[in-house]
Amino acid sequence: MSKPARPVPDLAQWLYRGTVVVLLGLIAHAIAKPTAVERCIDRRYQQVLDSHQLKEGQITEAIRISERNKATNFCHGGSGRQNWSR
């Protein structure tokens, strides 16, 4: 007994499905990458830790939040200082 012949895939359908897979991959890759602002915040935060010769685990949660807020302010065009005024 011989095997039944496999149908030849339709070229247009194969190209369409391949294109969809590639586009979904590109979209997923773009979503996964941090934005320029996120990269700026991470770099600025790391600069602060490095300048004080500290590691992430050596600072309290309150300090971590404060430094992240200052880095966020800096990367959005501020001075990086928090001046509270009424």
PDB file of N, CA and C in Angstrom:
ATOM      1  N   MET A   1       0.831  -1.177   0.000  1.00  0.00           N
ATOM      2  CA  MET A   1       0.000   0.000   0.000  1.00  0.00           C
ATOM      3  C   MET A   1       0.877   1.243   0.000  1.00  0.00           C
ATOM      4  N   SER A   2       0.477   2.168  -0.753  1.00  0.00           N
ATOM      5  CA  SER A   2       1.233   3.413  -0.807  1.00  0.00           C
ATOM      6  C   SER A   2       0.547   4.458   0.054  1.00  0.00           C
ATOM      7  N   LYS A   3       1.347   5.389   0.496  1.00  0.00           N
ATOM      8  CA  LYS A   3       0.807   6.476   1.319  1.00  0.00           C
ATOM      9  C   LYS A   3      -0.023   7.405   0.447  1.00  0.00           C
ATOM     10  N   PRO A   4      -1.058   7.996   1.047  1.00  0.00           N
ATOM     11  CA  PRO A   4      -1.801   8.985   0.272  1.00  0.00           C
ATOM     12  C   PRO A   4      -0.924  10.216   0.054  1.00  0.00           C
ATOM     13  N   ALA A   5      -1.068  10.816  -1.071  1.00  0.00           N
ATOM     14  CA  ALA A   5      -0.254  11.990  -1.405  1.00  0.00           C
ATOM     15  C   ALA A   5      -0.625  13.158  -0.502  1.00  0.00           C
ATOM     16  N   ARG A   6       0.413  13.814   0.006  1.00  0.00           N
ATOM     17  CA  ARG A   6       0.155  15.009   0.825  1.00  0.00           C
ATOM     18  C   ARG A   6      -0.190  16.159  -0.089  1.00  0.00           C
ATOM     19  N   PRO A   7      -1.175  16.951   0.316  1.00  0.00           N
ATOM     20  CA  PRO A   7      -1.508  18.093  -0.536  1.00  0.00           C
ATOM     21  C   PRO A   7      -0.383  19.126  -0.494  1.00  0.00           C
ATOM     22  N   VAL A   8      -0.127  19.711  -1.606  1.00  0.00           N
ATOM     23  CA  VAL A   8       0.893  20.751  -1.700  1.00  0.00           C
ATOM     24  C   VAL A   8       0.323  22.017  -1.071  1.00  0.00           C
ATOM     25  N   PRO A   9       1.045  22.622  -0.087  1.00  0.00           N
ATOM     26  CA  PRO A   9       0.495  23.822   0.554  1.00  0.00           C
ATOM     27  C   PRO A   9       0.358  24.962  -0.450  1.00  0.00           C
ATOM     28  N   ASP A  10      -0.718  25.673  -0.305  1.00  0.00           N
ATOM     29  CA  ASP A  10      -0.970  26.816  -1.166  1.00  0.00           C
ATOM     30  C   ASP A  10       0.069  27.890  -0.855  1.00  0.00           C
ATOM     31  N   LEU A  11       0.803  28.336  -1.852  1.00  0.00           N
ATOM     32  CA  LEU A  11       1.896  29.288  -1.655  1.00  0.00           C
ATOM     33  C   LEU A  11       1.410  30.595  -1.040  1.00  0.00           C
ATOM     34  N   ALA A  12       0.293  31.104  -1.492  1.00  0.00           N
ATOM     35  CA  ALA A  12      -0.222  32.369  -0.961  1.00  0.00           C
ATOM     36  C   ALA A  12      -0.565  32.236   0.522  1.00  0.00           C
ATOM     37  N   GLN A  13      -1.185  31.114   0.885  1.00  0.00           N
ATOM     38  CA  GLN A  13      -1.538  30.901   2.291  1.00  0.00           C
ATOM     39  C   GLN A  13      -0.275  30.741   3.134  1.00  0.00           C
ATOM     40  N   TRP A  14       0.711  30.034   2.619  1.00  0.00           N
ATOM     41  CA  TRP A  14       1.968  29.837   3.330  1.00  0.00           C
ATOM     42  C   TRP A  14       2.674  31.175   3.551  1.00  0.00           C
ATOM     43  N   LEU A  15       2.724  32.013   2.521  1.00  0.00           N
ATOM     44  CA  LEU A  15       3.343  33.335   2.654  1.00  0.00           C
ATOM     45  C   LEU A  15       2.580  34.205   3.648  1.00  0.00           C
ATOM     46  N   TYR A  16       1.257  34.157   3.603  1.00  0.00           N
ATOM     47  CA  TYR A  16       0.436  34.939   4.529  1.00  0.00           C
ATOM     48  C   TYR A  16       0.714  34.527   5.972  1.00  0.00           C
ATOM     49  N   ARG A  17       0.676  33.239   6.228  1.00  0.00           N
ATOM     50  CA  ARG A  17       0.919  32.754   7.600  1.00  0.00           C
ATOM     51  C   ARG A  17       2.336  33.095   8.063  1.00  0.00           C
ATOM     52  N   GLY A  18       3.295  32.955   7.178  1.00  0.00           N
ATOM     53  CA  GLY A  18       4.671  33.303   7.534  1.00  0.00           C
ATOM     54  C   GLY A  18       4.817  34.775   7.859  1.00  0.00           C
ATOM     55  N   THR A  19       4.159  35.615   7.073  1.00  0.00           N
ATOM     56  CA  THR A  19       4.203  37.060   7.319  1.00  0.00           C
ATOM     57  C   THR A  19       3.562  37.403   8.650  1.00  0.00           C
ATOM     58  N   VAL A  20       2.431  36.761   8.960  1.00  0.00           N
ATOM     59  CA  VAL A  20       1.756  37.006  10.239  1.00  0.00           C
ATOM     60  C   VAL A  20       2.666  36.620  11.399  1.00  0.00           C
ATOM     61  N   VAL A  21       3.326  35.489  11.300  1.00  0.00           N
ATOM     62  CA  VAL A  21       4.226  35.042  12.371  1.00  0.00           C
ATOM     63  C   VAL A  21       5.378  36.030  12.550  1.00  0.00           C
ATOM     64  N   VAL A  22       5.967  36.487  11.465  1.00  0.00           N
ATOM     65  CA  VAL A  22       7.072  37.446  11.546  1.00  0.00           C
ATOM     66  C   VAL A  22       6.598  38.759  12.161  1.00  0.00           C
ATOM     67  N   LEU A  23       5.452  39.256  11.727  1.00  0.00           N
ATOM     68  CA  LEU A  23       4.930  40.513  12.281  1.00  0.00           C
ATOM     69  C   LEU A  23       4.623  40.389  13.768  1.00  0.00           C
ATOM     70  N   LEU A  24       4.034  39.271  14.174  1.00  0.00           N
ATOM     71  CA  LEU A  24       3.768  39.068  15.601  1.00  0.00           C
ATOM     72  C   LEU A  24       5.067  39.023  16.401  1.00  0.00           C
ATOM     73  N   GLY A  25       6.092  38.413  15.838  1.00  0.00           N
ATOM     74  CA  GLY A  25       7.397  38.391  16.499  1.00  0.00           C
ATOM     75  C   GLY A  25       7.987  39.778  16.647  1.00  0.00           C
ATOM     76  N   LEU A  26       7.875  40.590  15.599  1.00  0.00           N
ATOM     77  CA  LEU A  26       8.385  41.965  15.670  1.00  0.00           C
ATOM     78  C   LEU A  26       7.616  42.796  16.688  1.00  0.00           C
ATOM     79  N   ILE A  27       6.310  42.621  16.735  1.00  0.00           N
ATOM     80  CA  ILE A  27       5.493  43.356  17.711  1.00  0.00           C
ATOM     81  C   ILE A  27       5.878  42.946  19.127  1.00  0.00           C
ATOM     82  N   ALA A  28       6.008  41.645  19.363  1.00  0.00           N
ATOM     83  CA  ALA A  28       6.390  41.168  20.696  1.00  0.00           C
ATOM     84  C   ALA A  28       7.761  41.704  21.094  1.00  0.00           C
ATOM     85  N   HIS A  29       8.683  41.736  20.153  1.00  0.00           N
ATOM     86  CA  HIS A  29      10.025  42.255  20.437  1.00  0.00           C
ATOM     87  C   HIS A  29       9.972  43.740  20.788  1.00  0.00           C
ATOM     88  N   ALA A  30       9.187  44.506  20.044  1.00  0.00           N
ATOM     89  CA  ALA A  30       9.082  45.948  20.298  1.00  0.00           C
ATOM     90  C   ALA A  30       8.430  46.227  21.646  1.00  0.00           C
ATOM     91  N   ILE A  31       7.452  45.428  22.018  1.00  0.00           N
ATOM     92  CA  ILE A  31       6.773  45.629  23.299  1.00  0.00           C
ATOM     93  C   ILE A  31       7.703  45.285  24.456  1.00  0.00           C
ATOM     94  N   ALA A  32       8.524  44.273  24.285  1.00  0.00           N
ATOM     95  CA  ALA A  32       9.397  43.814  25.365  1.00  0.00           C
ATOM     96  C   ALA A  32      10.555  44.763  25.636  1.00  0.00           C
ATOM     97  N   LYS A  33      10.942  45.560  24.646  1.00  0.00           N
ATOM     98  CA  LYS A  33      12.077  46.465  24.837  1.00  0.00           C
ATOM     99  C   LYS A  33      11.675  47.638  25.722  1.00  0.00           C
ATOM    100  N   PRO A  34      12.541  48.015  26.670  1.00  0.00           N
ATOM    101  CA  PRO A  34      12.234  49.207  27.469  1.00  0.00           C
ATOM    102  C   PRO A  34      12.315  50.467  26.612  1.00  0.00           C
ATOM    103  N   THR A  35      11.517  51.448  26.972  1.00  0.00           N
ATOM    104  CA  THR A  35      11.525  52.708  26.233  1.00  0.00           C
ATOM    105  C   THR A  35      12.788  53.489  26.573  1.00  0.00           C
ATOM    106  N   ALA A  36      13.028  54.553  25.833  1.00  0.00           N
ATOM    107  CA  ALA A  36      14.195  55.395  26.089  1.00  0.00           C
ATOM    108  C   ALA A  36      14.126  55.993  27.490  1.00  0.00           C
ATOM    109  N   VAL A  37      12.933  56.379  27.927  1.00  0.00           N
ATOM    110  CA  VAL A  37      12.788  56.956  29.269  1.00  0.00           C
ATOM    111  C   VAL A  37      13.079  55.901  30.326  1.00  0.00           C
ATOM    112  N   GLU A  38      12.581  54.676  30.133  1.00  0.00           N
ATOM    113  CA  GLU A  38      12.856  53.608  31.100  1.00  0.00           C
ATOM    114  C   GLU A  38      14.349  53.317  31.184  1.00  0.00           C
ATOM    115  N   ARG A  39      15.022  53.301  30.027  1.00  0.00           N
ATOM    116  CA  ARG A  39      16.476  53.077  30.038  1.00  0.00           C
ATOM    117  C   ARG A  39      17.190  54.219  30.741  1.00  0.00           C
ATOM    118  N   CYS A  40      16.731  55.456  30.523  1.00  0.00           N
ATOM    119  CA  CYS A  40      17.322  56.626  31.179  1.00  0.00           C
ATOM    120  C   CYS A  40      17.175  56.509  32.694  1.00  0.00           C
ATOM    121  N   ILE A  41      15.983  56.136  33.148  1.00  0.00           N
ATOM    122  CA  ILE A  41      15.726  56.005  34.587  1.00  0.00           C
ATOM    123  C   ILE A  41      16.638  54.941  35.182  1.00  0.00           C
ATOM    124  N   ASP A  42      16.732  53.795  34.522  1.00  0.00           N
ATOM    125  CA  ASP A  42      17.592  52.719  35.026  1.00  0.00           C
ATOM    126  C   ASP A  42      19.050  53.149  35.094  1.00  0.00           C
ATOM    127  N   ARG A  43      19.539  53.845  34.045  1.00  0.00           N
ATOM    128  CA  ARG A  43      20.936  54.320  34.042  1.00  0.00           C
ATOM    129  C   ARG A  43      21.172  55.336  35.154  1.00  0.00           C
ATOM    130  N   ARG A  44      20.261  56.280  35.300  1.00  0.00           N
ATOM    131  CA  ARG A  44      20.412  57.330  36.319  1.00  0.00           C
ATOM    132  C   ARG A  44      20.407  56.715  37.719  1.00  0.00           C
ATOM    133  N   TYR A  45      19.492  55.784  37.954  1.00  0.00           N
ATOM    134  CA  TYR A  45      19.402  55.105  39.247  1.00  0.00           C
ATOM    135  C   TYR A  45      20.699  54.339  39.524  1.00  0.00           C
ATOM    136  N   GLN A  46      21.220  53.648  38.515  1.00  0.00           N
ATOM    137  CA  GLN A  46      22.461  52.897  38.688  1.00  0.00           C
ATOM    138  C   GLN A  46      23.639  53.832  38.939  1.00  0.00           C
ATOM    139  N   GLN A  47      23.650  55.005  38.311  1.00  0.00           N
ATOM    140  CA  GLN A  47      24.711  55.985  38.553  1.00  0.00           C
ATOM    141  C   GLN A  47      24.724  56.417  40.015  1.00  0.00           C
ATOM    142  N   VAL A  48      23.532  56.614  40.584  1.00  0.00           N
ATOM    143  CA  VAL A  48      23.445  57.016  41.993  1.00  0.00           C
ATOM    144  C   VAL A  48      24.003  55.910  42.880  1.00  0.00           C
ATOM    145  N   LEU A  49      23.599  54.669  42.617  1.00  0.00           N
ATOM    146  CA  LEU A  49      24.118  53.556  43.417  1.00  0.00           C
ATOM    147  C   LEU A  49      25.638  53.454  43.287  1.00  0.00           C
ATOM    148  N   ASP A  50      26.136  53.560  42.064  1.00  0.00           N
ATOM    149  CA  ASP A  50      27.580  53.449  41.838  1.00  0.00           C
ATOM    150  C   ASP A  50      28.347  54.583  42.510  1.00  0.00           C
ATOM    151  N   SER A  51      27.798  55.793  42.464  1.00  0.00           N
ATOM    152  CA  SER A  51      28.507  56.931  43.054  1.00  0.00           C
ATOM    153  C   SER A  51      28.637  56.793  44.566  1.00  0.00           C
ATOM    154  N   HIS A  52      27.705  56.080  45.184  1.00  0.00           N
ATOM    155  CA  HIS A  52      27.773  55.844  46.631  1.00  0.00           C
ATOM    156  C   HIS A  52      28.353  54.469  46.948  1.00  0.00           C
ATOM    157  N   GLN A  53      28.790  53.770  45.913  1.00  0.00           N
ATOM    158  CA  GLN A  53      29.360  52.427  46.047  1.00  0.00           C
ATOM    159  C   GLN A  53      28.414  51.496  46.798  1.00  0.00           C
ATOM    160  N   LEU A  54      27.151  51.502  46.363  1.00  0.00           N
ATOM    161  CA  LEU A  54      26.125  50.673  46.989  1.00  0.00           C
ATOM    162  C   LEU A  54      25.596  49.649  45.996  1.00  0.00           C
ATOM    163  N   LYS A  55      25.064  48.579  46.545  1.00  0.00           N
ATOM    164  CA  LYS A  55      24.359  47.575  45.754  1.00  0.00           C
ATOM    165  C   LYS A  55      22.864  47.740  46.026  1.00  0.00           C
ATOM    166  N   GLU A  56      22.059  47.185  45.137  1.00  0.00           N
ATOM    167  CA  GLU A  56      20.598  47.312  45.242  1.00  0.00           C
ATOM    168  C   GLU A  56      20.074  46.882  46.618  1.00  0.00           C
ATOM    169  N   GLY A  57      20.595  45.794  47.150  1.00  0.00           N
ATOM    170  CA  GLY A  57      20.105  45.263  48.418  1.00  0.00           C
ATOM    171  C   GLY A  57      20.542  46.043  49.646  1.00  0.00           C
ATOM    172  N   GLN A  58      21.416  47.024  49.488  1.00  0.00           N
ATOM    173  CA  GLN A  58      21.943  47.758  50.635  1.00  0.00           C
ATOM    174  C   GLN A  58      21.121  48.991  50.987  1.00  0.00           C
ATOM    175  N   ILE A  59      20.087  49.284  50.236  1.00  0.00           N
ATOM    176  CA  ILE A  59      19.292  50.474  50.536  1.00  0.00           C
ATOM    177  C   ILE A  59      17.872  50.064  50.899  1.00  0.00           C
ATOM    178  N   THR A  60      17.222  50.900  51.680  1.00  0.00           N
ATOM    179  CA  THR A  60      15.859  50.589  52.114  1.00  0.00           C
ATOM    180  C   THR A  60      14.872  50.849  50.983  1.00  0.00           C
ATOM    181  N   GLU A  61      13.684  50.309  51.143  1.00  0.00           N
ATOM    182  CA  GLU A  61      12.636  50.491  50.132  1.00  0.00           C
ATOM    183  C   GLU A  61      12.293  51.965  49.963  1.00  0.00           C
ATOM    184  N   ALA A  62      12.250  52.714  51.064  1.00  0.00           N
ATOM    185  CA  ALA A  62      11.910  54.141  50.988  1.00  0.00           C
ATOM    186  C   ALA A  62      12.957  54.909  50.176  1.00  0.00           C
ATOM    187  N   ILE A  63      14.231  54.603  50.397  1.00  0.00           N
ATOM    188  CA  ILE A  63      15.301  55.264  49.641  1.00  0.00           C
ATOM    189  C   ILE A  63      15.229  54.859  48.174  1.00  0.00           C
ATOM    190  N   ARG A  64      14.967  53.585  47.928  1.00  0.00           N
ATOM    191  CA  ARG A  64      14.856  53.089  46.549  1.00  0.00           C
ATOM    192  C   ARG A  64      13.750  53.834  45.799  1.00  0.00           C
ATOM    193  N   ILE A  65      12.604  53.997  46.435  1.00  0.00           N
ATOM    194  CA  ILE A  65      11.485  54.715  45.813  1.00  0.00           C
ATOM    195  C   ILE A  65      11.854  56.172  45.573  1.00  0.00           C
ATOM    196  N   SER A  66      12.475  56.796  46.563  1.00  0.00           N
ATOM    197  CA  SER A  66      12.863  58.196  46.429  1.00  0.00           C
ATOM    198  C   SER A  66      13.846  58.390  45.277  1.00  0.00           C
ATOM    199  N   GLU A  67      14.846  57.530  45.187  1.00  0.00           N
ATOM    200  CA  GLU A  67      15.849  57.655  44.125  1.00  0.00           C
ATOM    201  C   GLU A  67      15.242  57.372  42.755  1.00  0.00           C
ATOM    202  N   ARG A  68      14.325  56.421  42.681  1.00  0.00           N
ATOM    203  CA  ARG A  68      13.629  56.152  41.409  1.00  0.00           C
ATOM    204  C   ARG A  68      12.799  57.367  41.002  1.00  0.00           C
ATOM    205  N   ASN A  69      12.132  57.991  41.978  1.00  0.00           N
ATOM    206  CA  ASN A  69      11.337  59.187  41.680  1.00  0.00           C
ATOM    207  C   ASN A  69      12.224  60.321  41.168  1.00  0.00           C
ATOM    208  N   LYS A  70      13.376  60.497  41.796  1.00  0.00           N
ATOM    209  CA  LYS A  70      14.299  61.551  41.347  1.00  0.00           C
ATOM    210  C   LYS A  70      14.842  61.248  39.951  1.00  0.00           C
ATOM    211  N   ALA A  71      15.144  59.978  39.693  1.00  0.00           N
ATOM    212  CA  ALA A  71      15.624  59.590  38.365  1.00  0.00           C
ATOM    213  C   ALA A  71      14.537  59.808  37.318  1.00  0.00           C
ATOM    214  N   THR A  72      13.302  59.506  37.680  1.00  0.00           N
ATOM    215  CA  THR A  72      12.178  59.720  36.761  1.00  0.00           C
ATOM    216  C   THR A  72      12.017  61.197  36.458  1.00  0.00           C
ATOM    217  N   ASN A  73      12.095  62.017  37.500  1.00  0.00           N
ATOM    218  CA  ASN A  73      11.997  63.465  37.322  1.00  0.00           C
ATOM    219  C   ASN A  73      13.105  63.957  36.395  1.00  0.00           C
ATOM    220  N   PHE A  74      14.318  63.505  36.629  1.00  0.00           N
ATOM    221  CA  PHE A  74      15.465  63.915  35.814  1.00  0.00           C
ATOM    222  C   PHE A  74      15.260  63.531  34.349  1.00  0.00           C
ATOM    223  N   CYS A  75      14.812  62.314  34.113  1.00  0.00           N
ATOM    224  CA  CYS A  75      14.670  61.821  32.740  1.00  0.00           C
ATOM    225  C   CYS A  75      13.492  62.448  32.004  1.00  0.00           C
ATOM    226  N   HIS A  76      12.608  63.072  32.731  1.00  0.00           N
ATOM    227  CA  HIS A  76      11.496  63.786  32.099  1.00  0.00           C
ATOM    228  C   HIS A  76      11.811  65.271  31.967  1.00  0.00           C
ATOM    229  N   GLY A  77      13.089  65.631  32.095  1.00  0.00           N
ATOM    230  CA  GLY A  77      13.507  67.005  31.856  1.00  0.00           C
ATOM    231  C   GLY A  77      13.679  67.851  33.094  1.00  0.00           C
ATOM    232  N   GLY A  78      13.486  67.270  34.263  1.00  0.00           N
ATOM    233  CA  GLY A  78      13.671  68.026  35.499  1.00  0.00           C
ATOM    234  C   GLY A  78      15.122  68.018  35.933  1.00  0.00           C
ATOM    235  N   SER A  79      15.367  68.579  37.090  1.00  0.00           N
ATOM    236  CA  SER A  79      16.732  68.664  37.602  1.00  0.00           C
ATOM    237  C   SER A  79      17.150  67.391  38.325  1.00  0.00           C
ATOM    238  N   GLY A  80      16.186  66.566  38.677  1.00  0.00           N
ATOM    239  CA  GLY A  80      16.497  65.377  39.464  1.00  0.00           C
ATOM    240  C   GLY A  80      16.406  65.648  40.944  1.00  0.00           C
ATOM    241  N   ARG A  81      16.183  66.899  41.302  1.00  0.00           N
ATOM    242  CA  ARG A  81      16.026  67.262  42.710  1.00  0.00           C
ATOM    243  C   ARG A  81      14.540  67.382  43.007  1.00  0.00           C
ATOM    244  N   GLN A  82      14.192  67.041  44.220  1.00  0.00           N
ATOM    245  CA  GLN A  82      12.798  67.173  44.608  1.00  0.00           C
ATOM    246  C   GLN A  82      12.657  68.376  45.519  1.00  0.00           C
ATOM    247  N   ASN A  83      12.086  69.409  44.980  1.00  0.00           N
ATOM    248  CA  ASN A  83      11.845  70.623  45.752  1.00  0.00           C
ATOM    249  C   ASN A  83      10.351  70.727  46.001  1.00  0.00           C
ATOM    250  N   TRP A  84       9.969  70.533  47.212  1.00  0.00           N
ATOM    251  CA  TRP A  84       8.549  70.578  47.549  1.00  0.00           C
ATOM    252  C   TRP A  84       8.189  71.996  47.942  1.00  0.00           C
ATOM    253  N   SER A  85       7.219  72.540  47.284  1.00  0.00           N
ATOM    254  CA  SER A  85       6.772  73.893  47.627  1.00  0.00           C
ATOM    255  C   SER A  85       5.260  73.904  47.707  1.00  0.00           C
ATOM    256  N   ARG A  86       4.747  74.901  48.418  1.00  0.00           N
ATOM    257  CA  ARG A  86       3.288  75.006  48.572  1.00  0.00           C
ATOM    258  C   ARG A  86       2.730  75.982  47.599  1.00  0.00           C
TER     259      ARG A  86
END
